[in-house]
Amino acid sequence: MGTDDAADPGELAARLRPALNQLHFMIRRRTPGPDLTPSQQSVLSTLMATGPIRMGELARLERIRLPSTTSAVDGLERQGLVERTTDPTDRRAVVVQLSPEGIATTQELQRARNEALAGFLATLSTGERENLYTAIPALNRLTELYRSEP
């Protein structure tokens, strides 16, 4: 891939998206956790990053509708991984947060997935790892752009 390909957003998207998808699913398969849907796993990660959050804001960050968020949270609550409370500033709103078990489960899952990925990263050349390291800010920025899009 030349620099012209990298400059073309369409070409970059066509090459990057499948690689990211495959890497994501391979890591998940190598580190099975509790019986969670992808949406539930995403909610756990978001709650780990944000802390307690209103359901509407969680739906916005997850880029899913409120009923889908409610369904994901219902399943996580049944497993004891999240807790709901009333927002102290607005008694009509619901706040969701990780339970102590949810924190431990999420931390263990993240640790196992980091360990699995680190094992494969160790097989790459130093230059390849440096290239990936350099891409981290851009990938984080893409995540933020997706989350902030109306």
C-alpha atoms as a PDB file:
ATOM      1  CA  MET A   1       0.000   0.000   0.000  1.00  0.00           C
ATOM      2  CA  GLY A   2       1.487   3.300  -1.036  1.00  0.00           C
ATOM      3  CA  THR A   3       0.999   6.672   0.576  1.00  0.00           C
ATOM      4  CA  ASP A   4      -1.636   7.496  -2.074  1.00  0.00           C
ATOM      5  CA  ASP A   5      -3.748   4.566  -0.836  1.00  0.00           C
ATOM      6  CA  ALA A   6      -3.358   5.728   2.765  1.00  0.00           C
ATOM      7  CA  ALA A   7      -4.495   9.227   1.804  1.00  0.00           C
ATOM      8  CA  ASP A   8      -7.691   7.913   0.185  1.00  0.00           C
ATOM      9  CA  PRO A   9     -10.260   7.468   3.002  1.00  0.00           C
ATOM     10  CA  GLY A  10     -12.318   4.989   0.961  1.00  0.00           C
ATOM     11  CA  GLU A  11      -9.345   2.732   0.229  1.00  0.00           C
ATOM     12  CA  LEU A  12      -8.114   2.965   3.812  1.00  0.00           C
ATOM     13  CA  ALA A  13     -11.587   2.088   5.153  1.00  0.00           C
ATOM     14  CA  ALA A  14     -11.871  -0.883   2.790  1.00  0.00           C
ATOM     15  CA  ARG A  15      -8.568  -2.271   4.026  1.00  0.00           C
ATOM     16  CA  LEU A  16      -8.709  -1.300   7.712  1.00  0.00           C
ATOM     17  CA  ARG A  17     -12.274  -2.276   8.656  1.00  0.00           C
ATOM     18  CA  PRO A  18     -12.015  -5.985   7.795  1.00  0.00           C
ATOM     19  CA  ALA A  19      -8.689  -6.241   9.601  1.00  0.00           C
ATOM     20  CA  LEU A  20     -10.071  -4.594  12.734  1.00  0.00           C
ATOM     21  CA  ASN A  21     -13.224  -6.742  12.659  1.00  0.00           C
ATOM     22  CA  GLN A  22     -11.289  -9.982  12.281  1.00  0.00           C
ATOM     23  CA  LEU A  23      -8.804  -9.039  15.005  1.00  0.00           C
ATOM     24  CA  HIS A  24     -11.636  -8.115  17.374  1.00  0.00           C
ATOM     25  CA  PHE A  25     -13.483 -11.402  16.853  1.00  0.00           C
ATOM     26  CA  MET A  26     -10.325 -13.515  17.049  1.00  0.00           C
ATOM     27  CA  ILE A  27      -9.380 -11.969  20.391  1.00  0.00           C
ATOM     28  CA  ARG A  28     -12.912 -12.555  21.709  1.00  0.00           C
ATOM     29  CA  ARG A  29     -12.845 -16.207  20.609  1.00  0.00           C
ATOM     30  CA  ARG A  30      -9.470 -16.833  22.269  1.00  0.00           C
ATOM     31  CA  THR A  31     -10.621 -15.354  25.578  1.00  0.00           C
ATOM     32  CA  PRO A  32     -14.140 -16.569  26.240  1.00  0.00           C
ATOM     33  CA  GLY A  33     -15.753 -14.879  29.165  1.00  0.00           C
ATOM     34  CA  PRO A  34     -19.212 -15.049  30.645  1.00  0.00           C
ATOM     35  CA  ASP A  35     -22.093 -15.720  28.277  1.00  0.00           C
ATOM     36  CA  LEU A  36     -22.528 -12.158  27.027  1.00  0.00           C
ATOM     37  CA  THR A  37     -23.732 -10.704  23.758  1.00  0.00           C
ATOM     38  CA  PRO A  38     -21.436  -8.316  21.894  1.00  0.00           C
ATOM     39  CA  SER A  39     -23.732  -5.451  22.971  1.00  0.00           C
ATOM     40  CA  GLN A  40     -23.456  -6.485  26.608  1.00  0.00           C
ATOM     41  CA  GLN A  41     -19.664  -6.709  26.356  1.00  0.00           C
ATOM     42  CA  SER A  42     -19.570  -3.259  24.801  1.00  0.00           C
ATOM     43  CA  VAL A  43     -21.786  -1.856  27.571  1.00  0.00           C
ATOM     44  CA  LEU A  44     -19.457  -3.331  30.212  1.00  0.00           C
ATOM     45  CA  SER A  45     -16.436  -1.707  28.557  1.00  0.00           C
ATOM     46  CA  THR A  46     -18.206   1.620  28.271  1.00  0.00           C
ATOM     47  CA  LEU A  47     -19.301   1.531  31.912  1.00  0.00           C
ATOM     48  CA  MET A  48     -15.760   0.654  32.948  1.00  0.00           C
ATOM     49  CA  ALA A  49     -14.517   3.732  31.092  1.00  0.00           C
ATOM     50  CA  THR A  50     -17.266   6.168  32.117  1.00  0.00           C
ATOM     51  CA  GLY A  51     -18.395   5.064  35.541  1.00  0.00           C
ATOM     52  CA  PRO A  52     -22.054   5.595  36.488  1.00  0.00           C
ATOM     53  CA  ILE A  53     -24.039   7.019  33.598  1.00  0.00           C
ATOM     54  CA  ARG A  54     -27.633   7.716  32.650  1.00  0.00           C
ATOM     55  CA  MET A  55     -29.265   5.146  30.413  1.00  0.00           C
ATOM     56  CA  GLY A  56     -29.885   7.706  27.661  1.00  0.00           C
ATOM     57  CA  GLU A  57     -26.255   8.754  27.621  1.00  0.00           C
ATOM     58  CA  LEU A  58     -25.165   5.101  27.571  1.00  0.00           C
ATOM     59  CA  ALA A  59     -27.401   4.518  24.544  1.00  0.00           C
ATOM     60  CA  ARG A  60     -25.868   7.539  22.839  1.00  0.00           C
ATOM     61  CA  LEU A  61     -22.310   6.378  23.502  1.00  0.00           C
ATOM     62  CA  GLU A  62     -23.137   2.851  22.357  1.00  0.00           C
ATOM     63  CA  ARG A  63     -24.833   4.234  19.236  1.00  0.00           C
ATOM     64  CA  ILE A  64     -27.918   2.083  19.856  1.00  0.00           C
ATOM     65  CA  ARG A  65     -31.533   2.892  20.677  1.00  0.00           C
ATOM     66  CA  LEU A  66     -32.663   3.151  24.290  1.00  0.00           C
ATOM     67  CA  PRO A  67     -34.764  -0.065  24.120  1.00  0.00           C
ATOM     68  CA  SER A  68     -31.661  -1.978  22.939  1.00  0.00           C
ATOM     69  CA  THR A  69     -29.640  -0.440  25.760  1.00  0.00           C
ATOM     70  CA  THR A  70     -32.337  -1.391  28.243  1.00  0.00           C
ATOM     71  CA  SER A  71     -32.308  -4.969  26.951  1.00  0.00           C
ATOM     72  CA  ALA A  72     -28.520  -5.223  27.248  1.00  0.00           C
ATOM     73  CA  VAL A  73     -28.577  -3.739  30.750  1.00  0.00           C
ATOM     74  CA  ASP A  74     -31.447  -6.045  31.795  1.00  0.00           C
ATOM     75  CA  GLY A  75     -29.338  -9.077  30.872  1.00  0.00           C
ATOM     76  CA  LEU A  76     -26.276  -7.716  32.651  1.00  0.00           C
ATOM     77  CA  GLU A  77     -28.366  -6.920  35.727  1.00  0.00           C
ATOM     78  CA  ARG A  78     -29.740 -10.492  35.828  1.00  0.00           C
ATOM     79  CA  GLN A  79     -26.139 -11.731  35.874  1.00  0.00           C
ATOM     80  CA  GLY A  80     -25.265  -9.344  38.704  1.00  0.00           C
ATOM     81  CA  LEU A  81     -22.801  -7.360  36.583  1.00  0.00           C
ATOM     82  CA  VAL A  82     -24.534  -3.966  36.689  1.00  0.00           C
ATOM     83  CA  GLU A  83     -26.733  -2.037  39.072  1.00  0.00           C
ATOM     84  CA  ARG A  84     -29.388   0.576  38.391  1.00  0.00           C
ATOM     85  CA  THR A  85     -30.154   3.480  40.648  1.00  0.00           C
ATOM     86  CA  THR A  86     -32.234   6.621  40.444  1.00  0.00           C
ATOM     87  CA  ASP A  87     -30.306   9.720  39.391  1.00  0.00           C
ATOM     88  CA  PRO A  88     -30.084  11.872  42.536  1.00  0.00           C
ATOM     89  CA  THR A  89     -30.350  15.064  40.443  1.00  0.00           C
ATOM     90  CA  ASP A  90     -33.433  13.895  38.513  1.00  0.00           C
ATOM     91  CA  ARG A  91     -35.533  11.168  40.138  1.00  0.00           C
ATOM     92  CA  ARG A  92     -37.108  10.368  36.733  1.00  0.00           C
ATOM     93  CA  ALA A  93     -33.766   9.269  35.257  1.00  0.00           C
ATOM     94  CA  VAL A  94     -32.017   5.933  35.757  1.00  0.00           C
ATOM     95  CA  VAL A  95     -28.273   5.628  36.257  1.00  0.00           C
ATOM     96  CA  VAL A  96     -26.472   2.377  35.518  1.00  0.00           C
ATOM     97  CA  GLN A  97     -23.071   1.344  36.822  1.00  0.00           C
ATOM     98  CA  LEU A  98     -20.941  -1.743  37.141  1.00  0.00           C
ATOM     99  CA  SER A  99     -21.486  -3.827  40.255  1.00  0.00           C
ATOM    100  CA  PRO A 100     -18.408  -5.027  42.171  1.00  0.00           C
ATOM    101  CA  GLU A 101     -18.770  -8.354  40.317  1.00  0.00           C
ATOM    102  CA  GLY A 102     -19.112  -6.464  37.033  1.00  0.00           C
ATOM    103  CA  ILE A 103     -15.895  -4.564  37.714  1.00  0.00           C
ATOM    104  CA  ALA A 104     -14.023  -7.772  38.540  1.00  0.00           C
ATOM    105  CA  THR A 105     -15.432  -9.588  35.497  1.00  0.00           C
ATOM    106  CA  THR A 106     -14.629  -6.718  33.141  1.00  0.00           C
ATOM    107  CA  GLN A 107     -11.113  -6.305  34.539  1.00  0.00           C
ATOM    108  CA  GLU A 108     -10.444 -10.031  34.171  1.00  0.00           C
ATOM    109  CA  LEU A 109     -11.801 -10.095  30.635  1.00  0.00           C
ATOM    110  CA  GLN A 110      -9.705  -7.066  29.672  1.00  0.00           C
ATOM    111  CA  ARG A 111      -6.617  -8.617  31.284  1.00  0.00           C
ATOM    112  CA  ALA A 112      -7.107 -11.905  29.431  1.00  0.00           C
ATOM    113  CA  ARG A 113      -7.690 -10.153  26.112  1.00  0.00           C
ATOM    114  CA  ASN A 114      -4.679  -7.885  26.586  1.00  0.00           C
ATOM    115  CA  GLU A 115      -2.565 -10.935  27.408  1.00  0.00           C
ATOM    116  CA  ALA A 116      -3.777 -12.806  24.326  1.00  0.00           C
ATOM    117  CA  LEU A 117      -3.098  -9.833  22.066  1.00  0.00           C
ATOM    118  CA  ALA A 118       0.291  -9.198  23.674  1.00  0.00           C
ATOM    119  CA  GLY A 119       1.319 -12.752  22.832  1.00  0.00           C
ATOM    120  CA  PHE A 120       0.667 -12.136  19.154  1.00  0.00           C
ATOM    121  CA  LEU A 121       2.156  -8.644  19.227  1.00  0.00           C
ATOM    122  CA  ALA A 122       5.358 -10.170  20.591  1.00  0.00           C
ATOM    123  CA  THR A 123       5.741 -12.124  17.342  1.00  0.00           C
ATOM    124  CA  LEU A 124       5.716  -8.958  15.227  1.00  0.00           C
ATOM    125  CA  SER A 125       8.865  -7.076  14.378  1.00  0.00           C
ATOM    126  CA  THR A 126       9.795  -3.999  16.378  1.00  0.00           C
ATOM    127  CA  GLY A 127       8.940  -1.862  13.345  1.00  0.00           C
ATOM    128  CA  GLU A 128       5.492  -3.417  13.019  1.00  0.00           C
ATOM    129  CA  ARG A 129       4.797  -2.829  16.726  1.00  0.00           C
ATOM    130  CA  GLU A 130       6.006   0.773  16.384  1.00  0.00           C
ATOM    131  CA  ASN A 131       3.625   1.284  13.438  1.00  0.00           C
ATOM    132  CA  LEU A 132       0.718  -0.018  15.487  1.00  0.00           C
ATOM    133  CA  TYR A 133       1.703   2.116  18.474  1.00  0.00           C
ATOM    134  CA  THR A 134       1.808   5.191  16.256  1.00  0.00           C
ATOM    135  CA  ALA A 135      -1.729   4.433  15.007  1.00  0.00           C
ATOM    136  CA  ILE A 136      -3.292   4.329  18.493  1.00  0.00           C
ATOM    137  CA  PRO A 137      -4.128   8.069  18.731  1.00  0.00           C
ATOM    138  CA  ALA A 138      -5.814   8.003  15.307  1.00  0.00           C
ATOM    139  CA  LEU A 139      -7.840   4.902  16.237  1.00  0.00           C
ATOM    140  CA  ASN A 140      -8.898   6.518  19.525  1.00  0.00           C
ATOM    141  CA  ARG A 141      -9.888   9.656  17.622  1.00  0.00           C
ATOM    142  CA  LEU A 142     -12.029   7.562  15.250  1.00  0.00           C
ATOM    143  CA  THR A 143     -13.808   6.054  18.254  1.00  0.00           C
ATOM    144  CA  GLU A 144     -14.517   9.515  19.634  1.00  0.00           C
ATOM    145  CA  LEU A 145     -15.794  10.711  16.252  1.00  0.00           C
ATOM    146  CA  TYR A 146     -18.232   7.790  16.086  1.00  0.00           C
ATOM    147  CA  ARG A 147     -19.444   8.458  19.612  1.00  0.00           C
ATOM    148  CA  SER A 148     -19.909  12.213  19.126  1.00  0.00           C
ATOM    149  CA  GLU A 149     -21.696  11.956  15.780  1.00  0.00           C
ATOM    150  CA  PRO A 150     -25.368  12.958  16.117  1.00  0.00           C
END
